[in-house]
PDB file of N, CA and C in Angstrom:
ATOM      1  N   UNK A   1     -21.826   1.139   3.779  1.00  0.00           N
ATOM      2  CA  UNK A   1     -22.073  -0.172   4.349  1.00  0.00           C
ATOM      3  C   UNK A   1     -21.099  -0.380   5.517  1.00  0.00           C
ATOM      4  N   UNK A   2     -21.617  -0.735   6.652  1.00  0.00           N
ATOM      5  CA  UNK A   2     -20.807  -0.952   7.842  1.00  0.00           C
ATOM      6  C   UNK A   2     -20.566  -2.444   8.013  1.00  0.00           C
ATOM      7  N   UNK A   3     -19.295  -2.802   8.126  1.00  0.00           N
ATOM      8  CA  UNK A   3     -18.945  -4.197   8.384  1.00  0.00           C
ATOM      9  C   UNK A   3     -18.705  -4.340   9.871  1.00  0.00           C
ATOM     10  N   UNK A   4     -19.372  -5.255  10.491  1.00  0.00           N
ATOM     11  CA  UNK A   4     -19.230  -5.457  11.926  1.00  0.00           C
ATOM     12  C   UNK A   4     -18.178  -6.523  12.196  1.00  0.00           C
ATOM     13  N   UNK A   5     -17.402  -6.275  13.235  1.00  0.00           N
ATOM     14  CA  UNK A   5     -16.417  -7.259  13.667  1.00  0.00           C
ATOM     15  C   UNK A   5     -17.132  -8.349  14.435  1.00  0.00           C
ATOM     16  N   UNK A   6     -16.782  -9.551  14.165  1.00  0.00           N
ATOM     17  CA  UNK A   6     -17.319 -10.666  14.936  1.00  0.00           C
ATOM     18  C   UNK A   6     -16.209 -11.690  15.079  1.00  0.00           C
ATOM     19  N   UNK A   7     -16.438 -12.623  15.944  1.00  0.00           N
ATOM     20  CA  UNK A   7     -15.441 -13.672  16.161  1.00  0.00           C
ATOM     21  C   UNK A   7     -15.172 -14.449  14.880  1.00  0.00           C
ATOM     22  N   UNK A   8     -16.160 -14.495  13.988  1.00  0.00           N
ATOM     23  CA  UNK A   8     -15.981 -15.266  12.759  1.00  0.00           C
ATOM     24  C   UNK A   8     -15.067 -14.569  11.746  1.00  0.00           C
ATOM     25  N   UNK A   9     -14.902 -13.235  11.844  1.00  0.00           N
ATOM     26  CA  UNK A   9     -14.039 -12.556  10.871  1.00  0.00           C
ATOM     27  C   UNK A   9     -12.909 -11.752  11.516  1.00  0.00           C
ATOM     28  N   UNK A  10     -12.662 -11.958  12.822  1.00  0.00           N
ATOM     29  CA  UNK A  10     -11.593 -11.246  13.517  1.00  0.00           C
ATOM     30  C   UNK A  10     -10.937 -12.192  14.511  1.00  0.00           C
ATOM     31  N   UNK A  11      -9.661 -12.444  14.293  1.00  0.00           N
ATOM     32  CA  UNK A  11      -8.912 -13.321  15.191  1.00  0.00           C
ATOM     33  C   UNK A  11      -7.890 -12.488  15.949  1.00  0.00           C
ATOM     34  N   UNK A  12      -8.162 -12.164  17.210  1.00  0.00           N
ATOM     35  CA  UNK A  12      -7.236 -11.337  17.975  1.00  0.00           C
ATOM     36  C   UNK A  12      -5.826 -11.918  18.044  1.00  0.00           C
ATOM     37  N   UNK A  13      -5.716 -13.225  18.100  1.00  0.00           N
ATOM     38  CA  UNK A  13      -4.387 -13.839  18.162  1.00  0.00           C
ATOM     39  C   UNK A  13      -3.595 -13.507  16.893  1.00  0.00           C
ATOM     40  N   UNK A  14      -4.238 -13.577  15.739  1.00  0.00           N
ATOM     41  CA  UNK A  14      -3.563 -13.264  14.476  1.00  0.00           C
ATOM     42  C   UNK A  14      -3.270 -11.761  14.367  1.00  0.00           C
ATOM     43  N   UNK A  15      -4.269 -10.945  14.647  1.00  0.00           N
ATOM     44  CA  UNK A  15      -4.128  -9.501  14.470  1.00  0.00           C
ATOM     45  C   UNK A  15      -3.065  -8.922  15.394  1.00  0.00           C
ATOM     46  N   UNK A  16      -3.031  -9.389  16.638  1.00  0.00           N
ATOM     47  CA  UNK A  16      -2.160  -8.775  17.632  1.00  0.00           C
ATOM     48  C   UNK A  16      -0.898  -9.584  17.918  1.00  0.00           C
ATOM     49  N   UNK A  17      -0.409 -10.284  16.923  1.00  0.00           N
ATOM     50  CA  UNK A  17       0.895 -10.933  17.040  1.00  0.00           C
ATOM     51  C   UNK A  17       1.888 -10.162  16.179  1.00  0.00           C
ATOM     52  N   UNK A  18       3.150 -10.435  16.356  1.00  0.00           N
ATOM     53  CA  UNK A  18       4.176  -9.759  15.554  1.00  0.00           C
ATOM     54  C   UNK A  18       4.167 -10.332  14.144  1.00  0.00           C
ATOM     55  N   UNK A  19       4.158  -9.462  13.161  1.00  0.00           N
ATOM     56  CA  UNK A  19       4.192  -9.859  11.758  1.00  0.00           C
ATOM     57  C   UNK A  19       5.508  -9.341  11.178  1.00  0.00           C
ATOM     58  N   UNK A  20       6.466 -10.225  11.046  1.00  0.00           N
ATOM     59  CA  UNK A  20       7.779  -9.846  10.541  1.00  0.00           C
ATOM     60  C   UNK A  20       7.669  -9.399   9.090  1.00  0.00           C
ATOM     61  N   UNK A  21       8.189  -8.213   8.773  1.00  0.00           N
ATOM     62  CA  UNK A  21       8.083  -7.740   7.391  1.00  0.00           C
ATOM     63  C   UNK A  21       8.981  -8.537   6.446  1.00  0.00           C
ATOM     64  N   UNK A  22       8.454  -8.814   5.297  1.00  0.00           N
ATOM     65  CA  UNK A  22       9.228  -9.462   4.246  1.00  0.00           C
ATOM     66  C   UNK A  22       9.829  -8.373   3.362  1.00  0.00           C
ATOM     67  N   UNK A  23      10.802  -8.716   2.553  1.00  0.00           N
ATOM     68  CA  UNK A  23      11.337  -7.701   1.621  1.00  0.00           C
ATOM     69  C   UNK A  23      10.246  -7.098   0.733  1.00  0.00           C
ATOM     70  N   UNK A  24       9.265  -7.900   0.324  1.00  0.00           N
ATOM     71  CA  UNK A  24       8.178  -7.400  -0.515  1.00  0.00           C
ATOM     72  C   UNK A  24       7.323  -6.394   0.250  1.00  0.00           C
ATOM     73  N   UNK A  25       7.049  -6.686   1.524  1.00  0.00           N
ATOM     74  CA  UNK A  25       6.232  -5.774   2.326  1.00  0.00           C
ATOM     75  C   UNK A  25       6.977  -4.477   2.598  1.00  0.00           C
ATOM     76  N   UNK A  26       8.293  -4.544   2.768  1.00  0.00           N
ATOM     77  CA  UNK A  26       9.074  -3.331   2.992  1.00  0.00           C
ATOM     78  C   UNK A  26       8.950  -2.365   1.818  1.00  0.00           C
ATOM     79  N   UNK A  27       8.857  -2.897   0.612  1.00  0.00           N
ATOM     80  CA  UNK A  27       8.660  -2.056  -0.575  1.00  0.00           C
ATOM     81  C   UNK A  27       7.330  -1.307  -0.459  1.00  0.00           C
ATOM     82  N   UNK A  28       6.288  -2.009  -0.039  1.00  0.00           N
ATOM     83  CA  UNK A  28       4.971  -1.384   0.126  1.00  0.00           C
ATOM     84  C   UNK A  28       5.002  -0.332   1.236  1.00  0.00           C
ATOM     85  N   UNK A  29       5.608  -0.665   2.374  1.00  0.00           N
ATOM     86  CA  UNK A  29       5.711   0.306   3.472  1.00  0.00           C
ATOM     87  C   UNK A  29       6.445   1.565   3.019  1.00  0.00           C
ATOM     88  N   UNK A  30       7.554   1.372   2.330  1.00  0.00           N
ATOM     89  CA  UNK A  30       8.335   2.524   1.856  1.00  0.00           C
ATOM     90  C   UNK A  30       7.503   3.407   0.925  1.00  0.00           C
ATOM     91  N   UNK A  31       6.741   2.790   0.026  1.00  0.00           N
ATOM     92  CA  UNK A  31       5.914   3.555  -0.912  1.00  0.00           C
ATOM     93  C   UNK A  31       4.816   4.318  -0.169  1.00  0.00           C
ATOM     94  N   UNK A  32       4.179   3.663   0.783  1.00  0.00           N
ATOM     95  CA  UNK A  32       3.129   4.316   1.565  1.00  0.00           C
ATOM     96  C   UNK A  32       3.687   5.480   2.378  1.00  0.00           C
ATOM     97  N   UNK A  33       4.825   5.262   3.019  1.00  0.00           N
ATOM     98  CA  UNK A  33       5.427   6.319   3.835  1.00  0.00           C
ATOM     99  C   UNK A  33       5.886   7.499   2.978  1.00  0.00           C
ATOM    100  N   UNK A  34       6.453   7.235   1.838  1.00  0.00           N
ATOM    101  CA  UNK A  34       6.919   8.318   0.958  1.00  0.00           C
ATOM    102  C   UNK A  34       5.731   9.135   0.446  1.00  0.00           C
ATOM    103  N   UNK A  35       4.675   8.453   0.021  1.00  0.00           N
ATOM    104  CA  UNK A  35       3.492   9.173  -0.466  1.00  0.00           C
ATOM    105  C   UNK A  35       2.877  10.014   0.649  1.00  0.00           C
ATOM    106  N   UNK A  36       2.813   9.479   1.858  1.00  0.00           N
ATOM    107  CA  UNK A  36       2.262  10.221   2.996  1.00  0.00           C
ATOM    108  C   UNK A  36       3.149  11.421   3.328  1.00  0.00           C
ATOM    109  N   UNK A  37       4.457  11.228   3.273  1.00  0.00           N
ATOM    110  CA  UNK A  37       5.384  12.325   3.555  1.00  0.00           C
ATOM    111  C   UNK A  37       5.181  13.469   2.564  1.00  0.00           C
ATOM    112  N   UNK A  38       5.064  13.126   1.287  1.00  0.00           N
ATOM    113  CA  UNK A  38       4.859  14.142   0.255  1.00  0.00           C
ATOM    114  C   UNK A  38       3.523  14.857   0.476  1.00  0.00           C
ATOM    115  N   UNK A  39       2.468  14.102   0.745  1.00  0.00           N
ATOM    116  CA  UNK A  39       1.160  14.721   0.956  1.00  0.00           C
ATOM    117  C   UNK A  39       1.153  15.585   2.214  1.00  0.00           C
ATOM    118  N   UNK A  40       1.820  15.131   3.267  1.00  0.00           N
ATOM    119  CA  UNK A  40       1.917  15.939   4.484  1.00  0.00           C
ATOM    120  C   UNK A  40       2.594  17.273   4.177  1.00  0.00           C
ATOM    121  N   UNK A  41       3.641  17.233   3.373  1.00  0.00           N
ATOM    122  CA  UNK A  41       4.331  18.467   3.007  1.00  0.00           C
ATOM    123  C   UNK A  41       3.413  19.391   2.221  1.00  0.00           C
ATOM    124  N   UNK A  42       2.603  18.838   1.324  1.00  0.00           N
ATOM    125  CA  UNK A  42       1.637  19.640   0.562  1.00  0.00           C
ATOM    126  C   UNK A  42       0.626  20.276   1.517  1.00  0.00           C
ATOM    127  N   UNK A  43       0.129  19.501   2.455  1.00  0.00           N
ATOM    128  CA  UNK A  43      -0.820  20.045   3.428  1.00  0.00           C
ATOM    129  C   UNK A  43      -0.182  21.197   4.201  1.00  0.00           C
ATOM    130  N   UNK A  44       1.042  21.000   4.662  1.00  0.00           N
ATOM    131  CA  UNK A  44       1.721  22.040   5.430  1.00  0.00           C
ATOM    132  C   UNK A  44       1.973  23.301   4.607  1.00  0.00           C
ATOM    133  N   UNK A  45       2.273  23.135   3.326  1.00  0.00           N
ATOM    134  CA  UNK A  45       2.597  24.274   2.472  1.00  0.00           C
ATOM    135  C   UNK A  45       1.378  25.001   1.921  1.00  0.00           C
ATOM    136  N   UNK A  46       0.229  24.321   1.863  1.00  0.00           N
ATOM    137  CA  UNK A  46      -0.916  24.908   1.175  1.00  0.00           C
ATOM    138  C   UNK A  46      -2.151  25.080   2.038  1.00  0.00           C
ATOM    139  N   UNK A  47      -2.002  24.905   3.339  1.00  0.00           N
ATOM    140  CA  UNK A  47      -3.118  25.169   4.244  1.00  0.00           C
ATOM    141  C   UNK A  47      -2.611  26.020   5.411  1.00  0.00           C
ATOM    142  N   UNK A  48      -3.486  26.844   5.945  1.00  0.00           N
ATOM    143  CA  UNK A  48      -3.064  27.653   7.090  1.00  0.00           C
ATOM    144  C   UNK A  48      -2.963  26.784   8.349  1.00  0.00           C
ATOM    145  N   UNK A  49      -2.026  27.149   9.209  1.00  0.00           N
ATOM    146  CA  UNK A  49      -1.924  26.476  10.500  1.00  0.00           C
ATOM    147  C   UNK A  49      -3.256  26.652  11.219  1.00  0.00           C
ATOM    148  N   UNK A  50      -3.863  25.536  11.570  1.00  0.00           N
ATOM    149  CA  UNK A  50      -5.197  25.593  12.175  1.00  0.00           C
ATOM    150  C   UNK A  50      -5.555  24.213  12.704  1.00  0.00           C
ATOM    151  N   UNK A  51      -6.684  24.157  13.376  1.00  0.00           N
ATOM    152  CA  UNK A  51      -7.173  22.856  13.840  1.00  0.00           C
ATOM    153  C   UNK A  51      -7.479  21.941  12.659  1.00  0.00           C
ATOM    154  N   UNK A  52      -7.974  22.524  11.564  1.00  0.00           N
ATOM    155  CA  UNK A  52      -8.254  21.708  10.374  1.00  0.00           C
ATOM    156  C   UNK A  52      -6.966  21.123   9.800  1.00  0.00           C
ATOM    157  N   UNK A  53      -5.918  21.925   9.745  1.00  0.00           N
ATOM    158  CA  UNK A  53      -4.638  21.412   9.263  1.00  0.00           C
ATOM    159  C   UNK A  53      -4.149  20.277  10.158  1.00  0.00           C
ATOM    160  N   UNK A  54      -4.241  20.484  11.464  1.00  0.00           N
ATOM    161  CA  UNK A  54      -3.828  19.435  12.407  1.00  0.00           C
ATOM    162  C   UNK A  54      -4.649  18.167  12.214  1.00  0.00           C
ATOM    163  N   UNK A  55      -5.949  18.343  12.019  1.00  0.00           N
ATOM    164  CA  UNK A  55      -6.816  17.181  11.802  1.00  0.00           C
ATOM    165  C   UNK A  55      -6.441  16.453  10.514  1.00  0.00           C
ATOM    166  N   UNK A  56      -6.157  17.210   9.457  1.00  0.00           N
ATOM    167  CA  UNK A  56      -5.772  16.592   8.185  1.00  0.00           C
ATOM    168  C   UNK A  56      -4.493  15.781   8.346  1.00  0.00           C
ATOM    169  N   UNK A  57      -3.525  16.321   9.067  1.00  0.00           N
ATOM    170  CA  UNK A  57      -2.267  15.593   9.287  1.00  0.00           C
ATOM    171  C   UNK A  57      -2.489  14.365  10.164  1.00  0.00           C
ATOM    172  N   UNK A  58      -3.330  14.504  11.171  1.00  0.00           N
ATOM    173  CA  UNK A  58      -3.629  13.361  12.048  1.00  0.00           C
ATOM    174  C   UNK A  58      -4.327  12.244  11.262  1.00  0.00           C
ATOM    175  N   UNK A  59      -5.285  12.631  10.410  1.00  0.00           N
ATOM    176  CA  UNK A  59      -5.993  11.629   9.610  1.00  0.00           C
ATOM    177  C   UNK A  59      -5.081  10.988   8.574  1.00  0.00           C
ATOM    178  N   UNK A  60      -4.176  11.770   8.014  1.00  0.00           N
ATOM    179  CA  UNK A  60      -3.194  11.208   7.085  1.00  0.00           C
ATOM    180  C   UNK A  60      -2.337  10.165   7.794  1.00  0.00           C
ATOM    181  N   UNK A  61      -1.906  10.498   8.997  1.00  0.00           N
ATOM    182  CA  UNK A  61      -1.109   9.552   9.794  1.00  0.00           C
ATOM    183  C   UNK A  61      -1.911   8.277  10.057  1.00  0.00           C
ATOM    184  N   UNK A  62      -3.176   8.452  10.444  1.00  0.00           N
ATOM    185  CA  UNK A  62      -4.030   7.296  10.724  1.00  0.00           C
ATOM    186  C   UNK A  62      -4.250   6.456   9.460  1.00  0.00           C
ATOM    187  N   UNK A  63      -4.497   7.116   8.344  1.00  0.00           N
ATOM    188  CA  UNK A  63      -4.712   6.387   7.088  1.00  0.00           C
ATOM    189  C   UNK A  63      -3.462   5.615   6.684  1.00  0.00           C
ATOM    190  N   UNK A  64      -2.303   6.230   6.863  1.00  0.00           N
ATOM    191  CA  UNK A  64      -1.045   5.556   6.518  1.00  0.00           C
ATOM    192  C   UNK A  64      -0.806   4.357   7.421  1.00  0.00           C
ATOM    193  N   UNK A  65      -1.062   4.538   8.707  1.00  0.00           N
ATOM    194  CA  UNK A  65      -0.878   3.426   9.643  1.00  0.00           C
ATOM    195  C   UNK A  65      -1.844   2.273   9.329  1.00  0.00           C
ATOM    196  N   UNK A  66      -3.074   2.619   8.974  1.00  0.00           N
ATOM    197  CA  UNK A  66      -4.053   1.582   8.642  1.00  0.00           C
ATOM    198  C   UNK A  66      -3.671   0.872   7.346  1.00  0.00           C
ATOM    199  N   UNK A  67      -3.172   1.620   6.371  1.00  0.00           N
ATOM    200  CA  UNK A  67      -2.709   1.000   5.125  1.00  0.00           C
ATOM    201  C   UNK A  67      -1.544   0.062   5.396  1.00  0.00           C
ATOM    202  N   UNK A  68      -0.620   0.482   6.270  1.00  0.00           N
ATOM    203  CA  UNK A  68       0.503  -0.390   6.622  1.00  0.00           C
ATOM    204  C   UNK A  68       0.016  -1.641   7.366  1.00  0.00           C
ATOM    205  N   UNK A  69      -1.016  -1.478   8.186  1.00  0.00           N
ATOM    206  CA  UNK A  69      -1.593  -2.644   8.860  1.00  0.00           C
ATOM    207  C   UNK A  69      -2.174  -3.622   7.843  1.00  0.00           C
ATOM    208  N   UNK A  70      -2.805  -3.090   6.806  1.00  0.00           N
ATOM    209  CA  UNK A  70      -3.340  -3.968   5.759  1.00  0.00           C
ATOM    210  C   UNK A  70      -2.246  -4.778   5.104  1.00  0.00           C
ATOM    211  N   UNK A  71      -1.091  -4.134   4.890  1.00  0.00           N
ATOM    212  CA  UNK A  71       0.052  -4.841   4.311  1.00  0.00           C
ATOM    213  C   UNK A  71       0.553  -5.899   5.299  1.00  0.00           C
ATOM    214  N   UNK A  72       0.734  -5.496   6.553  1.00  0.00           N
ATOM    215  CA  UNK A  72       1.266  -6.421   7.573  1.00  0.00           C
ATOM    216  C   UNK A  72       0.369  -7.635   7.736  1.00  0.00           C
ATOM    217  N   UNK A  73      -0.941  -7.425   7.677  1.00  0.00           N
ATOM    218  CA  UNK A  73      -1.888  -8.510   7.921  1.00  0.00           C
ATOM    219  C   UNK A  73      -2.329  -9.202   6.627  1.00  0.00           C
ATOM    220  N   UNK A  74      -1.686  -8.867   5.521  1.00  0.00           N
ATOM    221  CA  UNK A  74      -2.040  -9.458   4.223  1.00  0.00           C
ATOM    222  C   UNK A  74      -3.506  -9.227   3.865  1.00  0.00           C
ATOM    223  N   UNK A  75      -4.044  -8.092   4.312  1.00  0.00           N
ATOM    224  CA  UNK A  75      -5.424  -7.741   3.962  1.00  0.00           C
ATOM    225  C   UNK A  75      -6.482  -8.545   4.659  1.00  0.00           C
ATOM    226  N   UNK A  76      -6.128  -9.222   5.726  1.00  0.00           N
ATOM    227  CA  UNK A  76      -7.125 -10.037   6.436  1.00  0.00           C
ATOM    228  C   UNK A  76      -7.013  -9.837   7.930  1.00  0.00           C
ATOM    229  N   UNK A  77      -8.046 -10.234   8.644  1.00  0.00           N
ATOM    230  CA  UNK A  77      -8.095 -10.076  10.090  1.00  0.00           C
ATOM    231  C   UNK A  77      -8.129 -11.414  10.818  1.00  0.00           C
ATOM    232  N   UNK A  78      -7.875 -12.480  10.092  1.00  0.00           N
ATOM    233  CA  UNK A  78      -7.803 -13.814  10.724  1.00  0.00           C
ATOM    234  C   UNK A  78      -6.957 -14.740   9.892  1.00  0.00           C
TER     235      UNK A  78
END
């Protein structure tokens, strides 16, 4: 199912402002970063150096950044 962005569910002012991390959010960021670091190490140790390995690491980075965005934005886009 594809969710489309519209003005009714996306507020650029909210999304693209600075969201100061709270102590609670820092705990979530730390957990996400640690899990990504461990998984990245597994990918590096158990896959051959290749375009696929690079893609897996790039997607892991993107997934981690998106998860952190969910934390920063409290799971909402407005």
